[in-house]
Amino acid sequence: MDATVVIGQQGRLVIPAQVRSALGIVAGDRMRLHVAGRRLVLERQEDAAAELRGLASNVPHARSLVEELLAERRLAAANE
């Protein structure tokens, strides 16, 4: 689905109703806005959090990424 929006004088834009409806966006939803290269990405906070959880879903529960990072930092400090 594509839509063209116009940025208003105060920097505001209106997400067309058809797009909001298709994505389940309602008034009061909190959105996350970030820049990726020369793109502006707008997503619901829940969707961004779910994507991050999905990235970490393949990490076994017994593995501690924090402990791995600390071990790497200790090794680097010892080699300085």
PDB file of N, CA and C in Angstrom:
ATOM      1  N   MET A   1       0.853  -1.166   0.000  1.00  0.00           N
ATOM      2  CA  MET A   1       0.000   0.000   0.000  1.00  0.00           C
ATOM      3  C   MET A   1       0.897   1.227   0.000  1.00  0.00           C
ATOM      4  N   ASP A   2       0.619   2.156  -0.864  1.00  0.00           N
ATOM      5  CA  ASP A   2       1.374   3.401  -0.941  1.00  0.00           C
ATOM      6  C   ASP A   2       0.450   4.574  -0.671  1.00  0.00           C
ATOM      7  N   ALA A   3       1.020   5.608  -0.127  1.00  0.00           N
ATOM      8  CA  ALA A   3       0.271   6.842   0.103  1.00  0.00           C
ATOM      9  C   ALA A   3       1.253   8.002   0.035  1.00  0.00           C
ATOM     10  N   THR A   4       0.773   9.136  -0.371  1.00  0.00           N
ATOM     11  CA  THR A   4       1.574  10.354  -0.378  1.00  0.00           C
ATOM     12  C   THR A   4       1.019  11.272   0.690  1.00  0.00           C
ATOM     13  N   VAL A   5       1.908  11.794   1.517  1.00  0.00           N
ATOM     14  CA  VAL A   5       1.492  12.729   2.557  1.00  0.00           C
ATOM     15  C   VAL A   5       2.244  14.039   2.365  1.00  0.00           C
ATOM     16  N   VAL A   6       1.680  15.094   2.894  1.00  0.00           N
ATOM     17  CA  VAL A   6       2.289  16.410   2.806  1.00  0.00           C
ATOM     18  C   VAL A   6       2.642  16.855   4.213  1.00  0.00           C
ATOM     19  N   ILE A   7       3.852  17.341   4.374  1.00  0.00           N
ATOM     20  CA  ILE A   7       4.285  17.856   5.674  1.00  0.00           C
ATOM     21  C   ILE A   7       3.707  19.263   5.843  1.00  0.00           C
ATOM     22  N   GLY A   8       3.019  19.482   6.950  1.00  0.00           N
ATOM     23  CA  GLY A   8       2.417  20.783   7.221  1.00  0.00           C
ATOM     24  C   GLY A   8       3.451  21.799   7.673  1.00  0.00           C
ATOM     25  N   GLN A   9       3.004  23.025   7.851  1.00  0.00           N
ATOM     26  CA  GLN A   9       3.909  24.115   8.228  1.00  0.00           C
ATOM     27  C   GLN A   9       4.618  23.873   9.549  1.00  0.00           C
ATOM     28  N   GLN A  10       3.991  23.176  10.454  1.00  0.00           N
ATOM     29  CA  GLN A  10       4.610  22.907  11.754  1.00  0.00           C
ATOM     30  C   GLN A  10       5.309  21.550  11.771  1.00  0.00           C
ATOM     31  N   GLY A  11       5.548  20.966  10.589  1.00  0.00           N
ATOM     32  CA  GLY A  11       6.248  19.698  10.510  1.00  0.00           C
ATOM     33  C   GLY A  11       5.372  18.492  10.759  1.00  0.00           C
ATOM     34  N   ARG A  12       4.080  18.667  10.769  1.00  0.00           N
ATOM     35  CA  ARG A  12       3.164  17.557  11.036  1.00  0.00           C
ATOM     36  C   ARG A  12       2.747  16.878   9.745  1.00  0.00           C
ATOM     37  N   LEU A  13       2.452  15.585   9.867  1.00  0.00           N
ATOM     38  CA  LEU A  13       1.887  14.868   8.735  1.00  0.00           C
ATOM     39  C   LEU A  13       0.709  14.056   9.226  1.00  0.00           C
ATOM     40  N   VAL A  14      -0.201  13.776   8.315  1.00  0.00           N
ATOM     41  CA  VAL A  14      -1.389  12.995   8.642  1.00  0.00           C
ATOM     42  C   VAL A  14      -1.264  11.653   7.941  1.00  0.00           C
ATOM     43  N   ILE A  15      -1.382  10.585   8.710  1.00  0.00           N
ATOM     44  CA  ILE A  15      -1.365   9.238   8.140  1.00  0.00           C
ATOM     45  C   ILE A  15      -2.773   8.972   7.614  1.00  0.00           C
ATOM     46  N   PRO A  16      -2.905   8.675   6.324  1.00  0.00           N
ATOM     47  CA  PRO A  16      -4.243   8.463   5.760  1.00  0.00           C
ATOM     48  C   PRO A  16      -5.021   7.382   6.510  1.00  0.00           C
ATOM     49  N   ALA A  17      -6.336   7.561   6.592  1.00  0.00           N
ATOM     50  CA  ALA A  17      -7.200   6.634   7.333  1.00  0.00           C
ATOM     51  C   ALA A  17      -7.062   5.208   6.832  1.00  0.00           C
ATOM     52  N   GLN A  18      -6.932   5.008   5.523  1.00  0.00           N
ATOM     53  CA  GLN A  18      -6.813   3.661   4.963  1.00  0.00           C
ATOM     54  C   GLN A  18      -5.544   2.974   5.474  1.00  0.00           C
ATOM     55  N   VAL A  19      -4.459   3.717   5.591  1.00  0.00           N
ATOM     56  CA  VAL A  19      -3.197   3.162   6.093  1.00  0.00           C
ATOM     57  C   VAL A  19      -3.326   2.854   7.576  1.00  0.00           C
ATOM     58  N   ARG A  20      -3.893   3.803   8.339  1.00  0.00           N
ATOM     59  CA  ARG A  20      -4.085   3.568   9.783  1.00  0.00           C
ATOM     60  C   ARG A  20      -4.938   2.332  10.019  1.00  0.00           C
ATOM     61  N   SER A  21      -5.994   2.201   9.243  1.00  0.00           N
ATOM     62  CA  SER A  21      -6.894   1.061   9.402  1.00  0.00           C
ATOM     63  C   SER A  21      -6.185  -0.251   9.073  1.00  0.00           C
ATOM     64  N   ALA A  22      -5.432  -0.267   7.989  1.00  0.00           N
ATOM     65  CA  ALA A  22      -4.730  -1.480   7.573  1.00  0.00           C
ATOM     66  C   ALA A  22      -3.697  -1.918   8.597  1.00  0.00           C
ATOM     67  N   LEU A  23      -3.095  -0.961   9.286  1.00  0.00           N
ATOM     68  CA  LEU A  23      -2.052  -1.274  10.264  1.00  0.00           C
ATOM     69  C   LEU A  23      -2.573  -1.348  11.697  1.00  0.00           C
ATOM     70  N   GLY A  24      -3.844  -1.046  11.885  1.00  0.00           N
ATOM     71  CA  GLY A  24      -4.415  -1.100  13.225  1.00  0.00           C
ATOM     72  C   GLY A  24      -3.942   0.028  14.116  1.00  0.00           C
ATOM     73  N   ILE A  25      -3.615   1.164  13.513  1.00  0.00           N
ATOM     74  CA  ILE A  25      -3.155   2.329  14.284  1.00  0.00           C
ATOM     75  C   ILE A  25      -4.367   3.162  14.668  1.00  0.00           C
ATOM     76  N   VAL A  26      -4.462   3.480  15.948  1.00  0.00           N
ATOM     77  CA  VAL A  26      -5.581   4.293  16.438  1.00  0.00           C
ATOM     78  C   VAL A  26      -5.042   5.508  17.182  1.00  0.00           C
ATOM     79  N   ALA A  27      -5.906   6.490  17.361  1.00  0.00           N
ATOM     80  CA  ALA A  27      -5.529   7.700  18.078  1.00  0.00           C
ATOM     81  C   ALA A  27      -4.988   7.333  19.453  1.00  0.00           C
ATOM     82  N   GLY A  28      -3.889   7.950  19.832  1.00  0.00           N
ATOM     83  CA  GLY A  28      -3.281   7.702  21.129  1.00  0.00           C
ATOM     84  C   GLY A  28      -2.168   6.658  21.089  1.00  0.00           C
ATOM     85  N   ASP A  29      -2.048   5.916  19.977  1.00  0.00           N
ATOM     86  CA  ASP A  29      -0.949   4.945  19.866  1.00  0.00           C
ATOM     87  C   ASP A  29       0.385   5.674  19.920  1.00  0.00           C
ATOM     88  N   ARG A  30       1.338   5.089  20.617  1.00  0.00           N
ATOM     89  CA  ARG A  30       2.687   5.648  20.652  1.00  0.00           C
ATOM     90  C   ARG A  30       3.459   5.062  19.488  1.00  0.00           C
ATOM     91  N   MET A  31       4.131   5.925  18.759  1.00  0.00           N
ATOM     92  CA  MET A  31       4.873   5.509  17.579  1.00  0.00           C
ATOM     93  C   MET A  31       6.361   5.774  17.794  1.00  0.00           C
ATOM     94  N   ARG A  32       7.177   4.938  17.189  1.00  0.00           N
ATOM     95  CA  ARG A  32       8.628   5.106  17.229  1.00  0.00           C
ATOM     96  C   ARG A  32       9.049   5.625  15.862  1.00  0.00           C
ATOM     97  N   LEU A  33       9.817   6.690  15.850  1.00  0.00           N
ATOM     98  CA  LEU A  33      10.281   7.298  14.616  1.00  0.00           C
ATOM     99  C   LEU A  33      11.797   7.243  14.596  1.00  0.00           C
ATOM    100  N   HIS A  34      12.367   6.736  13.523  1.00  0.00           N
ATOM    101  CA  HIS A  34      13.821   6.748  13.413  1.00  0.00           C
ATOM    102  C   HIS A  34      14.225   6.910  11.960  1.00  0.00           C
ATOM    103  N   VAL A  35      15.458   7.331  11.771  1.00  0.00           N
ATOM    104  CA  VAL A  35      15.996   7.549  10.443  1.00  0.00           C
ATOM    105  C   VAL A  35      16.908   6.375  10.105  1.00  0.00           C
ATOM    106  N   ALA A  36      16.690   5.789   8.943  1.00  0.00           N
ATOM    107  CA  ALA A  36      17.516   4.683   8.447  1.00  0.00           C
ATOM    108  C   ALA A  36      18.069   5.121   7.096  1.00  0.00           C
ATOM    109  N   GLY A  37      19.318   5.579   7.105  1.00  0.00           N
ATOM    110  CA  GLY A  37      19.879   6.149   5.878  1.00  0.00           C
ATOM    111  C   GLY A  37      19.141   7.435   5.558  1.00  0.00           C
ATOM    112  N   ARG A  38      18.523   7.481   4.404  1.00  0.00           N
ATOM    113  CA  ARG A  38      17.732   8.654   4.032  1.00  0.00           C
ATOM    114  C   ARG A  38      16.239   8.357   4.106  1.00  0.00           C
ATOM    115  N   ARG A  39      15.893   7.332   4.876  1.00  0.00           N
ATOM    116  CA  ARG A  39      14.490   6.956   5.043  1.00  0.00           C
ATOM    117  C   ARG A  39      14.009   7.316   6.435  1.00  0.00           C
ATOM    118  N   LEU A  40      12.758   7.674   6.507  1.00  0.00           N
ATOM    119  CA  LEU A  40      12.102   7.951   7.772  1.00  0.00           C
ATOM    120  C   LEU A  40      11.202   6.760   8.064  1.00  0.00           C
ATOM    121  N   VAL A  41      11.418   6.102   9.196  1.00  0.00           N
ATOM    122  CA  VAL A  41      10.650   4.900   9.542  1.00  0.00           C
ATOM    123  C   VAL A  41       9.780   5.217  10.753  1.00  0.00           C
ATOM    124  N   LEU A  42       8.504   4.941  10.613  1.00  0.00           N
ATOM    125  CA  LEU A  42       7.536   5.178  11.681  1.00  0.00           C
ATOM    126  C   LEU A  42       6.877   3.843  11.988  1.00  0.00           C
ATOM    127  N   GLU A  43       6.980   3.390  13.244  1.00  0.00           N
ATOM    128  CA  GLU A  43       6.397   2.105  13.621  1.00  0.00           C
ATOM    129  C   GLU A  43       5.859   2.181  15.036  1.00  0.00           C
ATOM    130  N   ARG A  44       4.888   1.305  15.306  1.00  0.00           N
ATOM    131  CA  ARG A  44       4.359   1.248  16.667  1.00  0.00           C
ATOM    132  C   ARG A  44       5.439   0.710  17.591  1.00  0.00           C
ATOM    133  N   GLN A  45       5.486   1.212  18.807  1.00  0.00           N
ATOM    134  CA  GLN A  45       6.494   0.762  19.765  1.00  0.00           C
ATOM    135  C   GLN A  45       6.389  -0.734  20.000  1.00  0.00           C
ATOM    136  N   GLU A  46       5.171  -1.259  20.037  1.00  0.00           N
ATOM    137  CA  GLU A  46       4.988  -2.694  20.269  1.00  0.00           C
ATOM    138  C   GLU A  46       5.629  -3.507  19.149  1.00  0.00           C
ATOM    139  N   ASP A  47       5.508  -3.013  17.910  1.00  0.00           N
ATOM    140  CA  ASP A  47       6.080  -3.729  16.774  1.00  0.00           C
ATOM    141  C   ASP A  47       7.605  -3.709  16.833  1.00  0.00           C
ATOM    142  N   ALA A  48       8.178  -2.567  17.222  1.00  0.00           N
ATOM    143  CA  ALA A  48       9.635  -2.467  17.332  1.00  0.00           C
ATOM    144  C   ALA A  48      10.146  -3.402  18.427  1.00  0.00           C
ATOM    145  N   ALA A  49       9.448  -3.437  19.557  1.00  0.00           N
ATOM    146  CA  ALA A  49       9.851  -4.313  20.661  1.00  0.00           C
ATOM    147  C   ALA A  49       9.721  -5.781  20.262  1.00  0.00           C
ATOM    148  N   ALA A  50       8.657  -6.130  19.547  1.00  0.00           N
ATOM    149  CA  ALA A  50       8.468  -7.507  19.108  1.00  0.00           C
ATOM    150  C   ALA A  50       9.572  -7.930  18.135  1.00  0.00           C
ATOM    151  N   GLU A  51       9.990  -7.007  17.280  1.00  0.00           N
ATOM    152  CA  GLU A  51      11.073  -7.313  16.348  1.00  0.00           C
ATOM    153  C   GLU A  51      12.372  -7.581  17.097  1.00  0.00           C
ATOM    154  N   LEU A  52      12.656  -6.785  18.128  1.00  0.00           N
ATOM    155  CA  LEU A  52      13.863  -7.011  18.929  1.00  0.00           C
ATOM    156  C   LEU A  52      13.802  -8.343  19.657  1.00  0.00           C
ATOM    157  N   ARG A  53      12.633  -8.668  20.209  1.00  0.00           N
ATOM    158  CA  ARG A  53      12.485  -9.961  20.882  1.00  0.00           C
ATOM    159  C   ARG A  53      12.694 -11.102  19.897  1.00  0.00           C
ATOM    160  N   GLY A  54      12.226 -10.923  18.677  1.00  0.00           N
ATOM    161  CA  GLY A  54      12.403 -11.944  17.649  1.00  0.00           C
ATOM    162  C   GLY A  54      13.860 -12.155  17.305  1.00  0.00           C
ATOM    163  N   LEU A  55      14.638 -11.069  17.284  1.00  0.00           N
ATOM    164  CA  LEU A  55      16.063 -11.186  16.991  1.00  0.00           C
ATOM    165  C   LEU A  55      16.779 -12.007  18.055  1.00  0.00           C
ATOM    166  N   ALA A  56      16.328 -11.896  19.288  1.00  0.00           N
ATOM    167  CA  ALA A  56      16.982 -12.598  20.392  1.00  0.00           C
ATOM    168  C   ALA A  56      16.380 -13.976  20.656  1.00  0.00           C
ATOM    169  N   SER A  57      15.344 -14.342  19.917  1.00  0.00           N
ATOM    170  CA  SER A  57      14.660 -15.604  20.208  1.00  0.00           C
ATOM    171  C   SER A  57      15.519 -16.834  19.928  1.00  0.00           C
ATOM    172  N   ASN A  58      16.519 -16.694  19.074  1.00  0.00           N
ATOM    173  CA  ASN A  58      17.380 -17.841  18.758  1.00  0.00           C
ATOM    174  C   ASN A  58      18.519 -18.026  19.755  1.00  0.00           C
ATOM    175  N   VAL A  59      18.664 -17.101  20.682  1.00  0.00           N
ATOM    176  CA  VAL A  59      19.727 -17.207  21.685  1.00  0.00           C
ATOM    177  C   VAL A  59      19.244 -18.159  22.783  1.00  0.00           C
ATOM    178  N   PRO A  60      19.984 -19.236  23.033  1.00  0.00           N
ATOM    179  CA  PRO A  60      19.568 -20.179  24.088  1.00  0.00           C
ATOM    180  C   PRO A  60      19.485 -19.479  25.446  1.00  0.00           C
ATOM    181  N   HIS A  61      18.515 -19.877  26.250  1.00  0.00           N
ATOM    182  CA  HIS A  61      18.328 -19.254  27.565  1.00  0.00           C
ATOM    183  C   HIS A  61      19.542 -19.456  28.465  1.00  0.00           C
ATOM    184  N   ALA A  62      20.280 -20.525  28.266  1.00  0.00           N
ATOM    185  CA  ALA A  62      21.453 -20.800  29.102  1.00  0.00           C
ATOM    186  C   ALA A  62      22.626 -19.892  28.736  1.00  0.00           C
ATOM    187  N   ARG A  63      22.569 -19.237  27.584  1.00  0.00           N
ATOM    188  CA  ARG A  63      23.658 -18.364  27.135  1.00  0.00           C
ATOM    189  C   ARG A  63      23.432 -16.959  27.672  1.00  0.00           C
ATOM    190  N   SER A  64      24.481 -16.383  28.240  1.00  0.00           N
ATOM    191  CA  SER A  64      24.391 -15.026  28.775  1.00  0.00           C
ATOM    192  C   SER A  64      25.212 -14.087  27.898  1.00  0.00           C
ATOM    193  N   LEU A  65      24.512 -13.271  27.122  1.00  0.00           N
ATOM    194  CA  LEU A  65      25.203 -12.310  26.273  1.00  0.00           C
ATOM    195  C   LEU A  65      25.943 -11.268  27.109  1.00  0.00           C
ATOM    196  N   VAL A  66      25.407 -10.966  28.278  1.00  0.00           N
ATOM    197  CA  VAL A  66      26.065 -10.011  29.179  1.00  0.00           C
ATOM    198  C   VAL A  66      27.399 -10.577  29.647  1.00  0.00           C
ATOM    199  N   GLU A  67      27.393 -11.829  30.062  1.00  0.00           N
ATOM    200  CA  GLU A  67      28.641 -12.447  30.512  1.00  0.00           C
ATOM    201  C   GLU A  67      29.656 -12.533  29.376  1.00  0.00           C
ATOM    202  N   GLU A  68      29.204 -12.817  28.167  1.00  0.00           N
ATOM    203  CA  GLU A  68      30.116 -12.858  27.021  1.00  0.00           C
ATOM    204  C   GLU A  68      30.738 -11.489  26.765  1.00  0.00           C
ATOM    205  N   LEU A  69      29.927 -10.450  26.836  1.00  0.00           N
ATOM    206  CA  LEU A  69      30.441  -9.092  26.642  1.00  0.00           C
ATOM    207  C   LEU A  69      31.441  -8.731  27.729  1.00  0.00           C
ATOM    208  N   LEU A  70      31.117  -9.052  28.979  1.00  0.00           N
ATOM    209  CA  LEU A  70      32.037  -8.748  30.074  1.00  0.00           C
ATOM    210  C   LEU A  70      33.359  -9.495  29.902  1.00  0.00           C
ATOM    211  N   ALA A  71      33.291 -10.735  29.475  1.00  0.00           N
ATOM    212  CA  ALA A  71      34.516 -11.519  29.254  1.00  0.00           C
ATOM    213  C   ALA A  71      35.358 -10.887  28.150  1.00  0.00           C
ATOM    214  N   GLU A  72      34.713 -10.440  27.076  1.00  0.00           N
ATOM    215  CA  GLU A  72      35.441  -9.771  25.990  1.00  0.00           C
ATOM    216  C   GLU A  72      36.105  -8.491  26.478  1.00  0.00           C
ATOM    217  N   ARG A  73      35.385  -7.715  27.281  1.00  0.00           N
ATOM    218  CA  ARG A  73      35.934  -6.457  27.804  1.00  0.00           C
ATOM    219  C   ARG A  73      37.089  -6.717  28.761  1.00  0.00           C
ATOM    220  N   ARG A  74      36.964  -7.741  29.588  1.00  0.00           N
ATOM    221  CA  ARG A  74      38.055  -8.077  30.514  1.00  0.00           C
ATOM    222  C   ARG A  74      39.290  -8.499  29.748  1.00  0.00           C
ATOM    223  N   LEU A  75      39.136  -9.294  28.710  1.00  0.00           N
ATOM    224  CA  LEU A  75      40.240  -9.741  27.887  1.00  0.00           C
ATOM    225  C   LEU A  75      40.912  -8.550  27.200  1.00  0.00           C
ATOM    226  N   ALA A  76      40.103  -7.648  26.663  1.00  0.00           N
ATOM    227  CA  ALA A  76      40.646  -6.463  26.009  1.00  0.00           C
ATOM    228  C   ALA A  76      41.418  -5.602  26.995  1.00  0.00           C
ATOM    229  N   ALA A  77      40.873  -5.448  28.206  1.00  0.00           N
ATOM    230  CA  ALA A  77      41.548  -4.638  29.233  1.00  0.00           C
ATOM    231  C   ALA A  77      42.856  -5.292  29.662  1.00  0.00           C
ATOM    232  N   ALA A  78      42.865  -6.601  29.742  1.00  0.00           N
ATOM    233  CA  ALA A  78      44.080  -7.313  30.155  1.00  0.00           C
ATOM    234  C   ALA A  78      45.181  -7.205  29.088  1.00  0.00           C
ATOM    235  N   ASN A  79      44.774  -7.070  27.831  1.00  0.00           N
ATOM    236  CA  ASN A  79      45.736  -6.973  26.732  1.00  0.00           C
ATOM    237  C   ASN A  79      46.246  -5.550  26.507  1.00  0.00           C
ATOM    238  N   GLU A  80      45.718  -4.594  27.230  1.00  0.00           N
ATOM    239  CA  GLU A  80      46.160  -3.192  27.057  1.00  0.00           C
ATOM    240  C   GLU A  80      47.439  -2.916  27.787  1.00  0.00           C
TER     241      GLU A  80
END
